[in-house]
Amino acid sequence: MAEYAIGNVLKLAANFQSNSSDVDPGTVTFKIKSPLGVVTTYVYGTNSELVKVNVRVLSFETQFALS
Protein backbone atom coordinates (compact mmCIF):
# COMPACT_ATOMS: atom_id res chain seq x y z
CA MET A 1 0.00 0.00 0.00
CA ALA A 2 1.31 3.44 -0.90
CA GLU A 3 1.88 6.01 1.82
CA TYR A 4 1.55 9.78 1.43
CA ALA A 5 2.44 12.57 3.83
CA ILE A 6 -0.25 14.76 5.39
CA GLY A 7 -0.64 17.94 3.30
CA ASN A 8 0.68 16.36 0.09
CA VAL A 9 -1.46 16.35 -3.04
CA LEU A 10 -2.34 12.98 -4.56
CA LYS A 11 -2.99 12.80 -8.31
CA LEU A 12 -4.24 9.57 -9.91
CA ALA A 13 -5.61 8.66 -13.33
CA ALA A 14 -7.64 5.64 -14.41
CA ASN A 15 -7.87 4.26 -17.94
CA PHE A 16 -11.00 2.21 -18.70
CA GLN A 17 -10.89 -0.60 -21.26
CA SER A 18 -12.89 -3.71 -22.11
CA ASN A 19 -11.46 -6.40 -24.42
CA SER A 20 -8.54 -4.05 -25.24
CA SER A 21 -10.95 -1.33 -26.44
CA ASP A 22 -11.40 2.04 -24.77
CA VAL A 23 -14.74 2.40 -23.00
CA ASP A 24 -16.60 5.24 -21.33
CA PRO A 25 -17.75 3.86 -17.97
CA GLY A 26 -21.27 4.71 -16.89
CA THR A 27 -20.43 5.02 -13.20
CA VAL A 28 -17.10 5.46 -11.45
CA THR A 29 -16.74 5.26 -7.68
CA PHE A 30 -13.42 5.94 -5.95
CA LYS A 31 -12.79 5.25 -2.27
CA ILE A 32 -9.87 6.49 -0.20
CA LYS A 33 -8.97 5.71 3.42
CA SER A 34 -7.50 8.41 5.67
CA PRO A 35 -4.67 7.74 8.14
CA LEU A 36 -7.36 7.42 10.83
CA GLY A 37 -9.18 4.73 8.87
CA VAL A 38 -12.05 6.92 7.66
CA VAL A 39 -13.21 5.90 4.16
CA THR A 40 -14.39 8.68 1.85
CA THR A 41 -16.30 7.81 -1.34
CA TYR A 42 -16.13 9.94 -4.48
CA VAL A 43 -18.54 9.46 -7.40
CA TYR A 44 -17.91 10.78 -10.92
CA GLY A 45 -20.56 13.36 -11.81
CA THR A 46 -21.19 14.13 -8.15
CA ASN A 47 -17.76 15.01 -6.72
CA SER A 48 -15.53 17.60 -8.41
CA GLU A 49 -12.37 15.68 -7.46
CA LEU A 50 -13.11 13.14 -10.23
CA VAL A 51 -12.63 14.76 -13.65
CA LYS A 52 -13.06 13.23 -17.11
CA VAL A 53 -9.85 13.81 -19.09
CA ASN A 54 -11.23 12.13 -22.22
CA VAL A 55 -13.68 9.37 -23.18
CA ARG A 56 -11.73 6.67 -21.32
CA VAL A 57 -9.64 8.46 -18.69
CA LEU A 58 -10.70 9.99 -15.38
CA SER A 59 -8.38 11.78 -13.00
CA PHE A 60 -8.60 12.25 -9.24
CA GLU A 61 -6.86 14.88 -7.14
CA THR A 62 -7.06 15.59 -3.42
CA GLN A 63 -4.95 16.95 -0.61
CA PHE A 64 -4.45 14.71 2.40
CA ALA A 65 -5.57 15.95 5.79
CA LEU A 66 -5.64 14.17 9.11
CA SER A 67 -9.36 13.49 9.38
C-alpha atoms as a PDB file:
ATOM      1  CA  MET A   1       0.000   0.000   0.000  1.00  0.00           C
ATOM      2  CA  ALA A   2       1.306   3.438  -0.896  1.00  0.00           C
ATOM      3  CA  GLU A   3       1.878   6.008   1.821  1.00  0.00           C
ATOM      4  CA  TYR A   4       1.548   9.778   1.435  1.00  0.00           C
ATOM      5  CA  ALA A   5       2.441  12.575   3.835  1.00  0.00           C
ATOM      6  CA  ILE A   6      -0.248  14.764   5.389  1.00  0.00           C
ATOM      7  CA  GLY A   7      -0.639  17.936   3.303  1.00  0.00           C
ATOM      8  CA  ASN A   8       0.683  16.357   0.094  1.00  0.00           C
ATOM      9  CA  VAL A   9      -1.465  16.351  -3.040  1.00  0.00           C
ATOM     10  CA  LEU A  10      -2.337  12.976  -4.557  1.00  0.00           C
ATOM     11  CA  LYS A  11      -2.986  12.797  -8.311  1.00  0.00           C
ATOM     12  CA  LEU A  12      -4.236   9.571  -9.909  1.00  0.00           C
ATOM     13  CA  ALA A  13      -5.609   8.659 -13.328  1.00  0.00           C
ATOM     14  CA  ALA A  14      -7.639   5.641 -14.407  1.00  0.00           C
ATOM     15  CA  ASN A  15      -7.869   4.262 -17.942  1.00  0.00           C
ATOM     16  CA  PHE A  16     -10.998   2.211 -18.703  1.00  0.00           C
ATOM     17  CA  GLN A  17     -10.890  -0.600 -21.260  1.00  0.00           C
ATOM     18  CA  SER A  18     -12.886  -3.711 -22.108  1.00  0.00           C
ATOM     19  CA  ASN A  19     -11.465  -6.397 -24.416  1.00  0.00           C
ATOM     20  CA  SER A  20      -8.539  -4.048 -25.244  1.00  0.00           C
ATOM     21  CA  SER A  21     -10.947  -1.326 -26.436  1.00  0.00           C
ATOM     22  CA  ASP A  22     -11.404   2.035 -24.772  1.00  0.00           C
ATOM     23  CA  VAL A  23     -14.742   2.396 -22.998  1.00  0.00           C
ATOM     24  CA  ASP A  24     -16.601   5.240 -21.335  1.00  0.00           C
ATOM     25  CA  PRO A  25     -17.754   3.860 -17.972  1.00  0.00           C
ATOM     26  CA  GLY A  26     -21.269   4.705 -16.892  1.00  0.00           C
ATOM     27  CA  THR A  27     -20.429   5.025 -13.201  1.00  0.00           C
ATOM     28  CA  VAL A  28     -17.103   5.460 -11.446  1.00  0.00           C
ATOM     29  CA  THR A  29     -16.738   5.259  -7.677  1.00  0.00           C
ATOM     30  CA  PHE A  30     -13.422   5.944  -5.951  1.00  0.00           C
ATOM     31  CA  LYS A  31     -12.786   5.249  -2.265  1.00  0.00           C
ATOM     32  CA  ILE A  32      -9.873   6.489  -0.204  1.00  0.00           C
ATOM     33  CA  LYS A  33      -8.973   5.713   3.420  1.00  0.00           C
ATOM     34  CA  SER A  34      -7.504   8.414   5.667  1.00  0.00           C
ATOM     35  CA  PRO A  35      -4.674   7.743   8.143  1.00  0.00           C
ATOM     36  CA  LEU A  36      -7.360   7.425  10.834  1.00  0.00           C
ATOM     37  CA  GLY A  37      -9.183   4.726   8.867  1.00  0.00           C
ATOM     38  CA  VAL A  38     -12.049   6.921   7.660  1.00  0.00           C
ATOM     39  CA  VAL A  39     -13.211   5.895   4.163  1.00  0.00           C
ATOM     40  CA  THR A  40     -14.394   8.678   1.846  1.00  0.00           C
ATOM     41  CA  THR A  41     -16.301   7.813  -1.336  1.00  0.00           C
ATOM     42  CA  TYR A  42     -16.131   9.943  -4.484  1.00  0.00           C
ATOM     43  CA  VAL A  43     -18.542   9.456  -7.398  1.00  0.00           C
ATOM     44  CA  TYR A  44     -17.906  10.777 -10.920  1.00  0.00           C
ATOM     45  CA  GLY A  45     -20.555  13.364 -11.812  1.00  0.00           C
ATOM     46  CA  THR A  46     -21.189  14.133  -8.146  1.00  0.00           C
ATOM     47  CA  ASN A  47     -17.764  15.014  -6.724  1.00  0.00           C
ATOM     48  CA  SER A  48     -15.534  17.600  -8.411  1.00  0.00           C
ATOM     49  CA  GLU A  49     -12.366  15.685  -7.457  1.00  0.00           C
ATOM     50  CA  LEU A  50     -13.114  13.145 -10.227  1.00  0.00           C
ATOM     51  CA  VAL A  51     -12.635  14.760 -13.650  1.00  0.00           C
ATOM     52  CA  LYS A  52     -13.058  13.228 -17.107  1.00  0.00           C
ATOM     53  CA  VAL A  53      -9.851  13.806 -19.086  1.00  0.00           C
ATOM     54  CA  ASN A  54     -11.228  12.132 -22.220  1.00  0.00           C
ATOM     55  CA  VAL A  55     -13.681   9.368 -23.177  1.00  0.00           C
ATOM     56  CA  ARG A  56     -11.730   6.675 -21.317  1.00  0.00           C
ATOM     57  CA  VAL A  57      -9.645   8.462 -18.687  1.00  0.00           C
ATOM     58  CA  LEU A  58     -10.702   9.985 -15.377  1.00  0.00           C
ATOM     59  CA  SER A  59      -8.380  11.781 -12.996  1.00  0.00           C
ATOM     60  CA  PHE A  60      -8.596  12.249  -9.236  1.00  0.00           C
ATOM     61  CA  GLU A  61      -6.861  14.882  -7.137  1.00  0.00           C
ATOM     62  CA  THR A  62      -7.062  15.593  -3.421  1.00  0.00           C
ATOM     63  CA  GLN A  63      -4.948  16.954  -0.608  1.00  0.00           C
ATOM     64  CA  PHE A  64      -4.453  14.713   2.404  1.00  0.00           C
ATOM     65  CA  ALA A  65      -5.574  15.951   5.787  1.00  0.00           C
ATOM     66  CA  LEU A  66      -5.641  14.174   9.111  1.00  0.00           C
ATOM     67  CA  SER A  67      -9.365  13.487   9.381  1.00  0.00           C
END
